[in-house]
Structure formats: structure tokens, C-alpha cells
Amino acid sequence: IMKQLIILFTFLITSINADCDTIDYWAVY
């Protein structure tokens, strides 16, 4: 159960960090 919780929290923390890395970008031609 502890291993499963650690894996769950790892995925949760990874998904939160991934969402914070999103950035808008634009190019002008």
C-alpha cells in the first residue's frame, strides 16, 4: 500500500509541475 501511495503521489506531483511549465508563444512574420 505504501509503494502504491508513493507512486500515486509521484504522478500527482509530476502532473502539477508539468502544468506549471506551460507557456504561450507567438511568432511574427
mmCIF file of all heavy atoms, coordinates in Angstrom:
data_MODEL
# 
_entry.id   MODEL 
# 
loop_
_atom_site.group_PDB 
_atom_site.id 
_atom_site.type_symbol 
_atom_site.label_atom_id 
_atom_site.label_alt_id 
_atom_site.label_comp_id 
_atom_site.label_asym_id 
_atom_site.label_entity_id 
_atom_site.label_seq_id 
_atom_site.pdbx_PDB_ins_code 
_atom_site.Cartn_x 
_atom_site.Cartn_y 
_atom_site.Cartn_z 
_atom_site.occupancy 
_atom_site.B_iso_or_equiv 
_atom_site.pdbx_formal_charge 
_atom_site.auth_seq_id 
_atom_site.auth_comp_id 
_atom_site.auth_asym_id 
_atom_site.auth_atom_id 
_atom_site.pdbx_PDB_model_num 
ATOM 1   N N   . ILE A 1 1  ? 0.843  -1.204 0.000   1.00 0.00 ? 1  ILE A N   1 
ATOM 2   C CA  . ILE A 1 1  ? 0.000  0.000  0.000   1.00 0.00 ? 1  ILE A CA  1 
ATOM 3   C C   . ILE A 1 1  ? 0.877  1.252  0.000   1.00 0.00 ? 1  ILE A C   1 
ATOM 4   O O   . ILE A 1 1  ? 0.609  2.219  -0.718  1.00 0.00 ? 1  ILE A O   1 
ATOM 5   C CB  . ILE A 1 1  ? -0.975 -0.013 1.207   1.00 0.00 ? 1  ILE A CB  1 
ATOM 6   C CG1 . ILE A 1 1  ? -2.021 -1.110 1.017   1.00 0.00 ? 1  ILE A CG1 1 
ATOM 7   C CG2 . ILE A 1 1  ? -1.650 1.338  1.364   1.00 0.00 ? 1  ILE A CG2 1 
ATOM 8   C CD1 . ILE A 1 1  ? -2.920 -1.323 2.207   1.00 0.00 ? 1  ILE A CD1 1 
ATOM 9   N N   . MET A 1 2  ? 1.941  1.267  0.771   1.00 0.00 ? 2  MET A N   1 
ATOM 10  C CA  . MET A 1 2  ? 2.844  2.410  0.813   1.00 0.00 ? 2  MET A CA  1 
ATOM 11  C C   . MET A 1 2  ? 3.516  2.648  -0.537  1.00 0.00 ? 2  MET A C   1 
ATOM 12  O O   . MET A 1 2  ? 3.637  3.785  -0.986  1.00 0.00 ? 2  MET A O   1 
ATOM 13  C CB  . MET A 1 2  ? 3.908  2.223  1.905   1.00 0.00 ? 2  MET A CB  1 
ATOM 14  C CG  . MET A 1 2  ? 3.367  2.379  3.319   1.00 0.00 ? 2  MET A CG  1 
ATOM 15  S SD  . MET A 1 2  ? 2.510  3.941  3.584   1.00 0.00 ? 2  MET A SD  1 
ATOM 16  C CE  . MET A 1 2  ? 3.837  5.084  3.465   1.00 0.00 ? 2  MET A CE  1 
ATOM 17  N N   . LYS A 1 3  ? 3.937  1.574  -1.197  1.00 0.00 ? 3  LYS A N   1 
ATOM 18  C CA  . LYS A 1 3  ? 4.540  1.708  -2.526  1.00 0.00 ? 3  LYS A CA  1 
ATOM 19  C C   . LYS A 1 3  ? 3.548  2.302  -3.513  1.00 0.00 ? 3  LYS A C   1 
ATOM 20  O O   . LYS A 1 3  ? 3.892  3.160  -4.326  1.00 0.00 ? 3  LYS A O   1 
ATOM 21  C CB  . LYS A 1 3  ? 5.040  0.353  -3.032  1.00 0.00 ? 3  LYS A CB  1 
ATOM 22  C CG  . LYS A 1 3  ? 6.308  -0.117 -2.372  1.00 0.00 ? 3  LYS A CG  1 
ATOM 23  C CD  . LYS A 1 3  ? 6.763  -1.454 -2.945  1.00 0.00 ? 3  LYS A CD  1 
ATOM 24  C CE  . LYS A 1 3  ? 7.993  -1.974 -2.226  1.00 0.00 ? 3  LYS A CE  1 
ATOM 25  N NZ  . LYS A 1 3  ? 8.409  -3.293 -2.724  1.00 0.00 ? 3  LYS A NZ  1 
ATOM 26  N N   . GLN A 1 4  ? 2.292  1.861  -3.446  1.00 0.00 ? 4  GLN A N   1 
ATOM 27  C CA  . GLN A 1 4  ? 1.259  2.385  -4.345  1.00 0.00 ? 4  GLN A CA  1 
ATOM 28  C C   . GLN A 1 4  ? 0.997  3.858  -4.068  1.00 0.00 ? 4  GLN A C   1 
ATOM 29  O O   . GLN A 1 4  ? 0.820  4.654  -4.997  1.00 0.00 ? 4  GLN A O   1 
ATOM 30  C CB  . GLN A 1 4  ? -0.024 1.571  -4.222  1.00 0.00 ? 4  GLN A CB  1 
ATOM 31  C CG  . GLN A 1 4  ? 0.081  0.178  -4.800  1.00 0.00 ? 4  GLN A CG  1 
ATOM 32  C CD  . GLN A 1 4  ? -1.153 -0.655 -4.564  1.00 0.00 ? 4  GLN A CD  1 
ATOM 33  O OE1 . GLN A 1 4  ? -2.001 -0.311 -3.752  1.00 0.00 ? 4  GLN A OE1 1 
ATOM 34  N NE2 . GLN A 1 4  ? -1.249 -1.772 -5.297  1.00 0.00 ? 4  GLN A NE2 1 
ATOM 35  N N   . LEU A 1 5  ? 0.973  4.240  -2.789  1.00 0.00 ? 5  LEU A N   1 
ATOM 36  C CA  . LEU A 1 5  ? 0.771  5.644  -2.444  1.00 0.00 ? 5  LEU A CA  1 
ATOM 37  C C   . LEU A 1 5  ? 1.940  6.511  -2.923  1.00 0.00 ? 5  LEU A C   1 
ATOM 38  O O   . LEU A 1 5  ? 1.736  7.629  -3.411  1.00 0.00 ? 5  LEU A O   1 
ATOM 39  C CB  . LEU A 1 5  ? 0.573  5.796  -0.931  1.00 0.00 ? 5  LEU A CB  1 
ATOM 40  C CG  . LEU A 1 5  ? -0.793 5.350  -0.402  1.00 0.00 ? 5  LEU A CG  1 
ATOM 41  C CD1 . LEU A 1 5  ? -0.817 5.416  1.116   1.00 0.00 ? 5  LEU A CD1 1 
ATOM 42  C CD2 . LEU A 1 5  ? -1.895 6.205  -0.997  1.00 0.00 ? 5  LEU A CD2 1 
ATOM 43  N N   . ILE A 1 6  ? 3.150  5.997  -2.783  1.00 0.00 ? 6  ILE A N   1 
ATOM 44  C CA  . ILE A 1 6  ? 4.320  6.744  -3.251  1.00 0.00 ? 6  ILE A CA  1 
ATOM 45  C C   . ILE A 1 6  ? 4.254  6.943  -4.758  1.00 0.00 ? 6  ILE A C   1 
ATOM 46  O O   . ILE A 1 6  ? 4.506  8.042  -5.270  1.00 0.00 ? 6  ILE A O   1 
ATOM 47  C CB  . ILE A 1 6  ? 5.622  6.028  -2.833  1.00 0.00 ? 6  ILE A CB  1 
ATOM 48  C CG1 . ILE A 1 6  ? 5.804  6.150  -1.316  1.00 0.00 ? 6  ILE A CG1 1 
ATOM 49  C CG2 . ILE A 1 6  ? 6.821  6.606  -3.576  1.00 0.00 ? 6  ILE A CG2 1 
ATOM 50  C CD1 . ILE A 1 6  ? 6.937  5.316  -0.768  1.00 0.00 ? 6  ILE A CD1 1 
ATOM 51  N N   . ILE A 1 7  ? 3.871  5.919  -5.485  1.00 0.00 ? 7  ILE A N   1 
ATOM 52  C CA  . ILE A 1 7  ? 3.731  6.028  -6.941  1.00 0.00 ? 7  ILE A CA  1 
ATOM 53  C C   . ILE A 1 7  ? 2.636  7.025  -7.292  1.00 0.00 ? 7  ILE A C   1 
ATOM 54  O O   . ILE A 1 7  ? 2.804  7.877  -8.166  1.00 0.00 ? 7  ILE A O   1 
ATOM 55  C CB  . ILE A 1 7  ? 3.464  4.641  -7.576  1.00 0.00 ? 7  ILE A CB  1 
ATOM 56  C CG1 . ILE A 1 7  ? 4.714  3.763  -7.445  1.00 0.00 ? 7  ILE A CG1 1 
ATOM 57  C CG2 . ILE A 1 7  ? 3.040  4.771  -9.038  1.00 0.00 ? 7  ILE A CG2 1 
ATOM 58  C CD1 . ILE A 1 7  ? 4.508  2.322  -7.833  1.00 0.00 ? 7  ILE A CD1 1 
ATOM 59  N N   . LEU A 1 8  ? 1.500  6.969  -6.587  1.00 0.00 ? 8  LEU A N   1 
ATOM 60  C CA  . LEU A 1 8  ? 0.390  7.898  -6.835  1.00 0.00 ? 8  LEU A CA  1 
ATOM 61  C C   . LEU A 1 8  ? 0.833  9.336  -6.589  1.00 0.00 ? 8  LEU A C   1 
ATOM 62  O O   . LEU A 1 8  ? 0.571  10.225 -7.405  1.00 0.00 ? 8  LEU A O   1 
ATOM 63  C CB  . LEU A 1 8  ? -0.809 7.536  -5.951  1.00 0.00 ? 8  LEU A CB  1 
ATOM 64  C CG  . LEU A 1 8  ? -2.016 8.466  -6.053  1.00 0.00 ? 8  LEU A CG  1 
ATOM 65  C CD1 . LEU A 1 8  ? -2.625 8.374  -7.447  1.00 0.00 ? 8  LEU A CD1 1 
ATOM 66  C CD2 . LEU A 1 8  ? -3.031 8.130  -4.995  1.00 0.00 ? 8  LEU A CD2 1 
ATOM 67  N N   . PHE A 1 9  ? 1.497  9.592  -5.461  1.00 0.00 ? 9  PHE A N   1 
ATOM 68  C CA  . PHE A 1 9  ? 1.964  10.944 -5.167  1.00 0.00 ? 9  PHE A CA  1 
ATOM 69  C C   . PHE A 1 9  ? 3.020  11.416 -6.169  1.00 0.00 ? 9  PHE A C   1 
ATOM 70  O O   . PHE A 1 9  ? 3.064  12.585 -6.523  1.00 0.00 ? 9  PHE A O   1 
ATOM 71  C CB  . PHE A 1 9  ? 2.501  11.032 -3.742  1.00 0.00 ? 9  PHE A CB  1 
ATOM 72  C CG  . PHE A 1 9  ? 1.410  11.064 -2.706  1.00 0.00 ? 9  PHE A CG  1 
ATOM 73  C CD1 . PHE A 1 9  ? 1.364  10.111 -1.712  1.00 0.00 ? 9  PHE A CD1 1 
ATOM 74  C CD2 . PHE A 1 9  ? 0.423  12.036 -2.744  1.00 0.00 ? 9  PHE A CD2 1 
ATOM 75  C CE1 . PHE A 1 9  ? 0.356  10.129 -0.759  1.00 0.00 ? 9  PHE A CE1 1 
ATOM 76  C CE2 . PHE A 1 9  ? -0.594 12.065 -1.801  1.00 0.00 ? 9  PHE A CE2 1 
ATOM 77  C CZ  . PHE A 1 9  ? -0.628 11.108 -0.799  1.00 0.00 ? 9  PHE A CZ  1 
ATOM 78  N N   . THR A 1 10 ? 3.846  10.521 -6.635  1.00 0.00 ? 10 THR A N   1 
ATOM 79  C CA  . THR A 1 10 ? 4.846  10.878 -7.647  1.00 0.00 ? 10 THR A CA  1 
ATOM 80  C C   . THR A 1 10 ? 4.167  11.347 -8.928  1.00 0.00 ? 10 THR A C   1 
ATOM 81  O O   . THR A 1 10 ? 4.537  12.378 -9.502  1.00 0.00 ? 10 THR A O   1 
ATOM 82  C CB  . THR A 1 10 ? 5.777  9.680  -7.946  1.00 0.00 ? 10 THR A CB  1 
ATOM 83  O OG1 . THR A 1 10 ? 6.401  9.275  -6.731  1.00 0.00 ? 10 THR A OG1 1 
ATOM 84  C CG2 . THR A 1 10 ? 6.832  10.053 -8.972  1.00 0.00 ? 10 THR A CG2 1 
ATOM 85  N N   . PHE A 1 11 ? 3.151  10.613 -9.385  1.00 0.00 ? 11 PHE A N   1 
ATOM 86  C CA  . PHE A 1 11 ? 2.407  11.025 -10.581 1.00 0.00 ? 11 PHE A CA  1 
ATOM 87  C C   . PHE A 1 11 ? 1.686  12.349 -10.350 1.00 0.00 ? 11 PHE A C   1 
ATOM 88  O O   . PHE A 1 11 ? 1.648  13.207 -11.225 1.00 0.00 ? 11 PHE A O   1 
ATOM 89  C CB  . PHE A 1 11 ? 1.412  9.954  -11.012 1.00 0.00 ? 11 PHE A CB  1 
ATOM 90  C CG  . PHE A 1 11 ? 2.045  8.792  -11.711 1.00 0.00 ? 11 PHE A CG  1 
ATOM 91  C CD1 . PHE A 1 11 ? 1.820  7.490  -11.276 1.00 0.00 ? 11 PHE A CD1 1 
ATOM 92  C CD2 . PHE A 1 11 ? 2.861  8.971  -12.811 1.00 0.00 ? 11 PHE A CD2 1 
ATOM 93  C CE1 . PHE A 1 11 ? 2.402  6.415  -11.914 1.00 0.00 ? 11 PHE A CE1 1 
ATOM 94  C CE2 . PHE A 1 11 ? 3.453  7.905  -13.464 1.00 0.00 ? 11 PHE A CE2 1 
ATOM 95  C CZ  . PHE A 1 11 ? 3.222  6.616  -13.003 1.00 0.00 ? 11 PHE A CZ  1 
ATOM 96  N N   . LEU A 1 12 ? 1.114  12.532 -9.168  1.00 0.00 ? 12 LEU A N   1 
ATOM 97  C CA  . LEU A 1 12 ? 0.393  13.757 -8.853  1.00 0.00 ? 12 LEU A CA  1 
ATOM 98  C C   . LEU A 1 12 ? 1.341  14.957 -8.877  1.00 0.00 ? 12 LEU A C   1 
ATOM 99  O O   . LEU A 1 12 ? 1.061  15.978 -9.508  1.00 0.00 ? 12 LEU A O   1 
ATOM 100 C CB  . LEU A 1 12 ? -0.278 13.641 -7.480  1.00 0.00 ? 12 LEU A CB  1 
ATOM 101 C CG  . LEU A 1 12 ? -1.063 14.864 -7.007  1.00 0.00 ? 12 LEU A CG  1 
ATOM 102 C CD1 . LEU A 1 12 ? -2.238 15.110 -7.940  1.00 0.00 ? 12 LEU A CD1 1 
ATOM 103 C CD2 . LEU A 1 12 ? -1.540 14.663 -5.594  1.00 0.00 ? 12 LEU A CD2 1 
ATOM 104 N N   . ILE A 1 13 ? 2.478  14.844 -8.229  1.00 0.00 ? 13 ILE A N   1 
ATOM 105 C CA  . ILE A 1 13 ? 3.450  15.942 -8.196  1.00 0.00 ? 13 ILE A CA  1 
ATOM 106 C C   . ILE A 1 13 ? 3.998  16.217 -9.586  1.00 0.00 ? 13 ILE A C   1 
ATOM 107 O O   . ILE A 1 13 ? 4.160  17.374 -9.994  1.00 0.00 ? 13 ILE A O   1 
ATOM 108 C CB  . ILE A 1 13 ? 4.573  15.630 -7.189  1.00 0.00 ? 13 ILE A CB  1 
ATOM 109 C CG1 . ILE A 1 13 ? 3.999  15.687 -5.766  1.00 0.00 ? 13 ILE A CG1 1 
ATOM 110 C CG2 . ILE A 1 13 ? 5.739  16.600 -7.340  1.00 0.00 ? 13 ILE A CG2 1 
ATOM 111 C CD1 . ILE A 1 13 ? 4.931  15.155 -4.704  1.00 0.00 ? 13 ILE A CD1 1 
ATOM 112 N N   . THR A 1 14 ? 4.263  15.180 -10.364 1.00 0.00 ? 14 THR A N   1 
ATOM 113 C CA  . THR A 1 14 ? 4.762  15.351 -11.729 1.00 0.00 ? 14 THR A CA  1 
ATOM 114 C C   . THR A 1 14 ? 3.733  16.079 -12.592 1.00 0.00 ? 14 THR A C   1 
ATOM 115 O O   . THR A 1 14 ? 4.088  16.973 -13.360 1.00 0.00 ? 14 THR A O   1 
ATOM 116 C CB  . THR A 1 14 ? 5.107  13.983 -12.347 1.00 0.00 ? 14 THR A CB  1 
ATOM 117 O OG1 . THR A 1 14 ? 6.054  13.335 -11.524 1.00 0.00 ? 14 THR A OG1 1 
ATOM 118 C CG2 . THR A 1 14 ? 5.667  14.150 -13.749 1.00 0.00 ? 14 THR A CG2 1 
ATOM 119 N N   . SER A 1 15 ? 2.470  15.739 -12.469 1.00 0.00 ? 15 SER A N   1 
ATOM 120 C CA  . SER A 1 15 ? 1.447  16.394 -13.293 1.00 0.00 ? 15 SER A CA  1 
ATOM 121 C C   . SER A 1 15 ? 1.262  17.848 -12.900 1.00 0.00 ? 15 SER A C   1 
ATOM 122 O O   . SER A 1 15 ? 1.030  18.702 -13.745 1.00 0.00 ? 15 SER A O   1 
ATOM 123 C CB  . SER A 1 15 ? 0.120  15.638 -13.206 1.00 0.00 ? 15 SER A CB  1 
ATOM 124 O OG  . SER A 1 15 ? -0.422 15.754 -11.905 1.00 0.00 ? 15 SER A OG  1 
ATOM 125 N N   . ILE A 1 16 ? 1.386  18.166 -11.621 1.00 0.00 ? 16 ILE A N   1 
ATOM 126 C CA  . ILE A 1 16 ? 1.284  19.558 -11.187 1.00 0.00 ? 16 ILE A CA  1 
ATOM 127 C C   . ILE A 1 16 ? 2.452  20.362 -11.732 1.00 0.00 ? 16 ILE A C   1 
ATOM 128 O O   . ILE A 1 16 ? 2.282  21.454 -12.255 1.00 0.00 ? 16 ILE A O   1 
ATOM 129 C CB  . ILE A 1 16 ? 1.226  19.643 -9.644  1.00 0.00 ? 16 ILE A CB  1 
ATOM 130 C CG1 . ILE A 1 16 ? -0.113 19.115 -9.138  1.00 0.00 ? 16 ILE A CG1 1 
ATOM 131 C CG2 . ILE A 1 16 ? 1.438  21.084 -9.166  1.00 0.00 ? 16 ILE A CG2 1 
ATOM 132 C CD1 . ILE A 1 16 ? -0.189 18.949 -7.640  1.00 0.00 ? 16 ILE A CD1 1 
ATOM 133 N N   . ASN A 1 17 ? 3.656  19.820 -11.645 1.00 0.00 ? 17 ASN A N   1 
ATOM 134 C CA  . ASN A 1 17 ? 4.833  20.520 -12.184 1.00 0.00 ? 17 ASN A CA  1 
ATOM 135 C C   . ASN A 1 17 ? 4.753  20.684 -13.687 1.00 0.00 ? 17 ASN A C   1 
ATOM 136 O O   . ASN A 1 17 ? 5.154  21.699 -14.228 1.00 0.00 ? 17 ASN A O   1 
ATOM 137 C CB  . ASN A 1 17 ? 6.114  19.776 -11.812 1.00 0.00 ? 17 ASN A CB  1 
ATOM 138 C CG  . ASN A 1 17 ? 6.484  19.983 -10.370 1.00 0.00 ? 17 ASN A CG  1 
ATOM 139 O OD1 . ASN A 1 17 ? 6.033  20.921 -9.737  1.00 0.00 ? 17 ASN A OD1 1 
ATOM 140 N ND2 . ASN A 1 17 ? 7.301  19.091 -9.850  1.00 0.00 ? 17 ASN A ND2 1 
ATOM 141 N N   . ALA A 1 18 ? 4.244  19.709 -14.389 1.00 0.00 ? 18 ALA A N   1 
ATOM 142 C CA  . ALA A 1 18 ? 4.126  19.795 -15.848 1.00 0.00 ? 18 ALA A CA  1 
ATOM 143 C C   . ALA A 1 18 ? 3.159  20.898 -16.233 1.00 0.00 ? 18 ALA A C   1 
ATOM 144 O O   . ALA A 1 18 ? 3.378  21.615 -17.202 1.00 0.00 ? 18 ALA A O   1 
ATOM 145 C CB  . ALA A 1 18 ? 3.667  18.464 -16.422 1.00 0.00 ? 18 ALA A CB  1 
ATOM 146 N N   . ASP A 1 19 ? 2.074  21.076 -15.493 1.00 0.00 ? 19 ASP A N   1 
ATOM 147 C CA  . ASP A 1 19 ? 1.108  22.118 -15.792 1.00 0.00 ? 19 ASP A CA  1 
ATOM 148 C C   . ASP A 1 19 ? 1.717  23.498 -15.584 1.00 0.00 ? 19 ASP A C   1 
ATOM 149 O O   . ASP A 1 19 ? 1.415  24.426 -16.297 1.00 0.00 ? 19 ASP A O   1 
ATOM 150 C CB  . ASP A 1 19 ? -0.138 21.934 -14.920 1.00 0.00 ? 19 ASP A CB  1 
ATOM 151 C CG  . ASP A 1 19 ? -1.252 22.881 -15.301 1.00 0.00 ? 19 ASP A CG  1 
ATOM 152 O OD1 . ASP A 1 19 ? -1.504 23.034 -16.518 1.00 0.00 ? 19 ASP A OD1 1 
ATOM 153 O OD2 . ASP A 1 19 ? -1.864 23.487 -14.398 1.00 0.00 ? 19 ASP A OD2 1 
ATOM 154 N N   . CYS A 1 20 ? 2.592  23.637 -14.642 1.00 0.00 ? 20 CYS A N   1 
ATOM 155 C CA  . CYS A 1 20 ? 3.225  24.920 -14.362 1.00 0.00 ? 20 CYS A CA  1 
ATOM 156 C C   . CYS A 1 20 ? 4.218  25.319 -15.448 1.00 0.00 ? 20 CYS A C   1 
ATOM 157 O O   . CYS A 1 20 ? 4.584  26.475 -15.545 1.00 0.00 ? 20 CYS A O   1 
ATOM 158 C CB  . CYS A 1 20 ? 3.924  24.866 -13.015 1.00 0.00 ? 20 CYS A CB  1 
ATOM 159 S SG  . CYS A 1 20 ? 2.786  24.682 -11.639 1.00 0.00 ? 20 CYS A SG  1 
ATOM 160 N N   . ASP A 1 21 ? 4.678  24.391 -16.244 1.00 0.00 ? 21 ASP A N   1 
ATOM 161 C CA  . ASP A 1 21 ? 5.673  24.673 -17.269 1.00 0.00 ? 21 ASP A CA  1 
ATOM 162 C C   . ASP A 1 21 ? 5.066  25.141 -18.586 1.00 0.00 ? 21 ASP A C   1 
ATOM 163 O O   . ASP A 1 21 ? 5.793  25.416 -19.515 1.00 0.00 ? 21 ASP A O   1 
ATOM 164 C CB  . ASP A 1 21 ? 6.526  23.436 -17.531 1.00 0.00 ? 21 ASP A CB  1 
ATOM 165 C CG  . ASP A 1 21 ? 7.445  23.137 -16.358 1.00 0.00 ? 21 ASP A CG  1 
ATOM 166 O OD1 . ASP A 1 21 ? 7.719  24.051 -15.560 1.00 0.00 ? 21 ASP A OD1 1 
ATOM 167 O OD2 . ASP A 1 21 ? 7.876  21.986 -16.249 1.00 0.00 ? 21 ASP A OD2 1 
ATOM 168 N N   . THR A 1 22 ? 3.741  25.187 -18.702 1.00 0.00 ? 22 THR A N   1 
ATOM 169 C CA  . THR A 1 22 ? 3.130  25.598 -19.962 1.00 0.00 ? 22 THR A CA  1 
ATOM 170 C C   . THR A 1 22 ? 3.399  27.073 -20.199 1.00 0.00 ? 22 THR A C   1 
ATOM 171 O O   . THR A 1 22 ? 3.444  27.872 -19.273 1.00 0.00 ? 22 THR A O   1 
ATOM 172 C CB  . THR A 1 22 ? 1.611  25.333 -19.964 1.00 0.00 ? 22 THR A CB  1 
ATOM 173 O OG1 . THR A 1 22 ? 1.020  26.098 -18.911 1.00 0.00 ? 22 THR A OG1 1 
ATOM 174 C CG2 . THR A 1 22 ? 1.316  23.874 -19.792 1.00 0.00 ? 22 THR A CG2 1 
ATOM 175 N N   . ILE A 1 23 ? 3.575  27.444 -21.449 1.00 0.00 ? 23 ILE A N   1 
ATOM 176 C CA  . ILE A 1 23 ? 3.895  28.826 -21.778 1.00 0.00 ? 23 ILE A CA  1 
ATOM 177 C C   . ILE A 1 23 ? 3.306  29.160 -23.148 1.00 0.00 ? 23 ILE A C   1 
ATOM 178 O O   . ILE A 1 23 ? 3.319  28.345 -24.055 1.00 0.00 ? 23 ILE A O   1 
ATOM 179 C CB  . ILE A 1 23 ? 5.422  29.047 -21.758 1.00 0.00 ? 23 ILE A CB  1 
ATOM 180 C CG1 . ILE A 1 23 ? 5.753  30.528 -21.833 1.00 0.00 ? 23 ILE A CG1 1 
ATOM 181 C CG2 . ILE A 1 23 ? 6.114  28.297 -22.860 1.00 0.00 ? 23 ILE A CG2 1 
ATOM 182 C CD1 . ILE A 1 23 ? 7.176  30.825 -21.435 1.00 0.00 ? 23 ILE A CD1 1 
ATOM 183 N N   . ASP A 1 24 ? 2.761  30.354 -23.249 1.00 0.00 ? 24 ASP A N   1 
ATOM 184 C CA  . ASP A 1 24 ? 2.251  30.834 -24.525 1.00 0.00 ? 24 ASP A CA  1 
ATOM 185 C C   . ASP A 1 24 ? 3.419  31.374 -25.342 1.00 0.00 ? 24 ASP A C   1 
ATOM 186 O O   . ASP A 1 24 ? 4.382  31.912 -24.796 1.00 0.00 ? 24 ASP A O   1 
ATOM 187 C CB  . ASP A 1 24 ? 1.229  31.942 -24.306 1.00 0.00 ? 24 ASP A CB  1 
ATOM 188 C CG  . ASP A 1 24 ? -0.033 31.437 -23.618 1.00 0.00 ? 24 ASP A CG  1 
ATOM 189 O OD1 . ASP A 1 24 ? -0.113 30.233 -23.323 1.00 0.00 ? 24 ASP A OD1 1 
ATOM 190 O OD2 . ASP A 1 24 ? -0.929 32.249 -23.377 1.00 0.00 ? 24 ASP A OD2 1 
ATOM 191 N N   . TYR A 1 25 ? 3.313  31.260 -26.651 1.00 0.00 ? 25 TYR A N   1 
ATOM 192 C CA  . TYR A 1 25 ? 4.368  31.721 -27.540 1.00 0.00 ? 25 TYR A CA  1 
ATOM 193 C C   . TYR A 1 25 ? 3.728  32.239 -28.812 1.00 0.00 ? 25 TYR A C   1 
ATOM 194 O O   . TYR A 1 25 ? 2.629  31.836 -29.194 1.00 0.00 ? 25 TYR A O   1 
ATOM 195 C CB  . TYR A 1 25 ? 5.350  30.584 -27.850 1.00 0.00 ? 25 TYR A CB  1 
ATOM 196 C CG  . TYR A 1 25 ? 4.653  29.338 -28.379 1.00 0.00 ? 25 TYR A CG  1 
ATOM 197 C CD1 . TYR A 1 25 ? 4.499  29.140 -29.741 1.00 0.00 ? 25 TYR A CD1 1 
ATOM 198 C CD2 . TYR A 1 25 ? 4.122  28.391 -27.500 1.00 0.00 ? 25 TYR A CD2 1 
ATOM 199 C CE1 . TYR A 1 25 ? 3.832  28.025 -30.232 1.00 0.00 ? 25 TYR A CE1 1 
ATOM 200 C CE2 . TYR A 1 25 ? 3.449  27.279 -27.975 1.00 0.00 ? 25 TYR A CE2 1 
ATOM 201 C CZ  . TYR A 1 25 ? 3.314  27.093 -29.333 1.00 0.00 ? 25 TYR A CZ  1 
ATOM 202 O OH  . TYR A 1 25 ? 2.637  25.994 -29.812 1.00 0.00 ? 25 TYR A OH  1 
ATOM 203 N N   . TRP A 1 26 ? 4.399  33.161 -29.479 1.00 0.00 ? 26 TRP A N   1 
ATOM 204 C CA  . TRP A 1 26 ? 3.884  33.692 -30.739 1.00 0.00 ? 26 TRP A CA  1 
ATOM 205 C C   . TRP A 1 26 ? 5.046  34.116 -31.628 1.00 0.00 ? 26 TRP A C   1 
ATOM 206 O O   . TRP A 1 26 ? 6.107  34.478 -31.157 1.00 0.00 ? 26 TRP A O   1 
ATOM 207 C CB  . TRP A 1 26 ? 2.896  34.832 -30.509 1.00 0.00 ? 26 TRP A CB  1 
ATOM 208 C CG  . TRP A 1 26 ? 3.353  35.955 -29.645 1.00 0.00 ? 26 TRP A CG  1 
ATOM 209 C CD1 . TRP A 1 26 ? 3.867  37.143 -30.059 1.00 0.00 ? 26 TRP A CD1 1 
ATOM 210 C CD2 . TRP A 1 26 ? 3.328  36.010 -28.210 1.00 0.00 ? 26 TRP A CD2 1 
ATOM 211 N NE1 . TRP A 1 26 ? 4.176  37.944 -28.977 1.00 0.00 ? 26 TRP A NE1 1 
ATOM 212 C CE2 . TRP A 1 26 ? 3.843  37.271 -27.826 1.00 0.00 ? 26 TRP A CE2 1 
ATOM 213 C CE3 . TRP A 1 26 ? 2.927  35.139 -27.212 1.00 0.00 ? 26 TRP A CE3 1 
ATOM 214 C CZ2 . TRP A 1 26 ? 3.953  37.668 -26.507 1.00 0.00 ? 26 TRP A CZ2 1 
ATOM 215 C CZ3 . TRP A 1 26 ? 3.047  35.526 -25.885 1.00 0.00 ? 26 TRP A CZ3 1 
ATOM 216 C CH2 . TRP A 1 26 ? 3.548  36.773 -25.551 1.00 0.00 ? 26 TRP A CH2 1 
ATOM 217 N N   . ALA A 1 27 ? 4.780  34.009 -32.913 1.00 0.00 ? 27 ALA A N   1 
ATOM 218 C CA  . ALA A 1 27 ? 5.766  34.357 -33.926 1.00 0.00 ? 27 ALA A CA  1 
ATOM 219 C C   . ALA A 1 27 ? 5.170  35.429 -34.832 1.00 0.00 ? 27 ALA A C   1 
ATOM 220 O O   . ALA A 1 27 ? 3.979  35.407 -35.130 1.00 0.00 ? 27 ALA A O   1 
ATOM 221 C CB  . ALA A 1 27 ? 6.150  33.123 -34.744 1.00 0.00 ? 27 ALA A CB  1 
ATOM 222 N N   . VAL A 1 28 ? 6.016  36.361 -35.268 1.00 0.00 ? 28 VAL A N   1 
ATOM 223 C CA  . VAL A 1 28 ? 5.580  37.462 -36.127 1.00 0.00 ? 28 VAL A CA  1 
ATOM 224 C C   . VAL A 1 28 ? 6.311  37.331 -37.461 1.00 0.00 ? 28 VAL A C   1 
ATOM 225 O O   . VAL A 1 28 ? 7.526  37.145 -37.496 1.00 0.00 ? 28 VAL A O   1 
ATOM 226 C CB  . VAL A 1 28 ? 5.884  38.828 -35.487 1.00 0.00 ? 28 VAL A CB  1 
ATOM 227 C CG1 . VAL A 1 28 ? 5.377  39.965 -36.370 1.00 0.00 ? 28 VAL A CG1 1 
ATOM 228 C CG2 . VAL A 1 28 ? 5.282  38.919 -34.089 1.00 0.00 ? 28 VAL A CG2 1 
ATOM 229 N N   . TYR A 1 29 ? 5.553  37.432 -38.542 1.00 0.00 ? 29 TYR A N   1 
ATOM 230 C CA  . TYR A 1 29 ? 6.087  37.293 -39.893 1.00 0.00 ? 29 TYR A CA  1 
ATOM 231 C C   . TYR A 1 29 ? 5.749  38.535 -40.703 1.00 0.00 ? 29 TYR A C   1 
ATOM 232 O O   . TYR A 1 29 ? 4.687  39.139 -40.527 1.00 0.00 ? 29 TYR A O   1 
ATOM 233 C CB  . TYR A 1 29 ? 5.452  36.101 -40.616 1.00 0.00 ? 29 TYR A CB  1 
ATOM 234 C CG  . TYR A 1 29 ? 5.656  34.778 -39.925 1.00 0.00 ? 29 TYR A CG  1 
ATOM 235 C CD1 . TYR A 1 29 ? 4.824  34.374 -38.881 1.00 0.00 ? 29 TYR A CD1 1 
ATOM 236 C CD2 . TYR A 1 29 ? 6.668  33.905 -40.324 1.00 0.00 ? 29 TYR A CD2 1 
ATOM 237 C CE1 . TYR A 1 29 ? 5.000  33.151 -38.251 1.00 0.00 ? 29 TYR A CE1 1 
ATOM 238 C CE2 . TYR A 1 29 ? 6.857  32.684 -39.702 1.00 0.00 ? 29 TYR A CE2 1 
ATOM 239 C CZ  . TYR A 1 29 ? 6.014  32.314 -38.667 1.00 0.00 ? 29 TYR A CZ  1 
ATOM 240 O OH  . TYR A 1 29 ? 6.195  31.100 -38.046 1.00 0.00 ? 29 TYR A OH  1 
# 
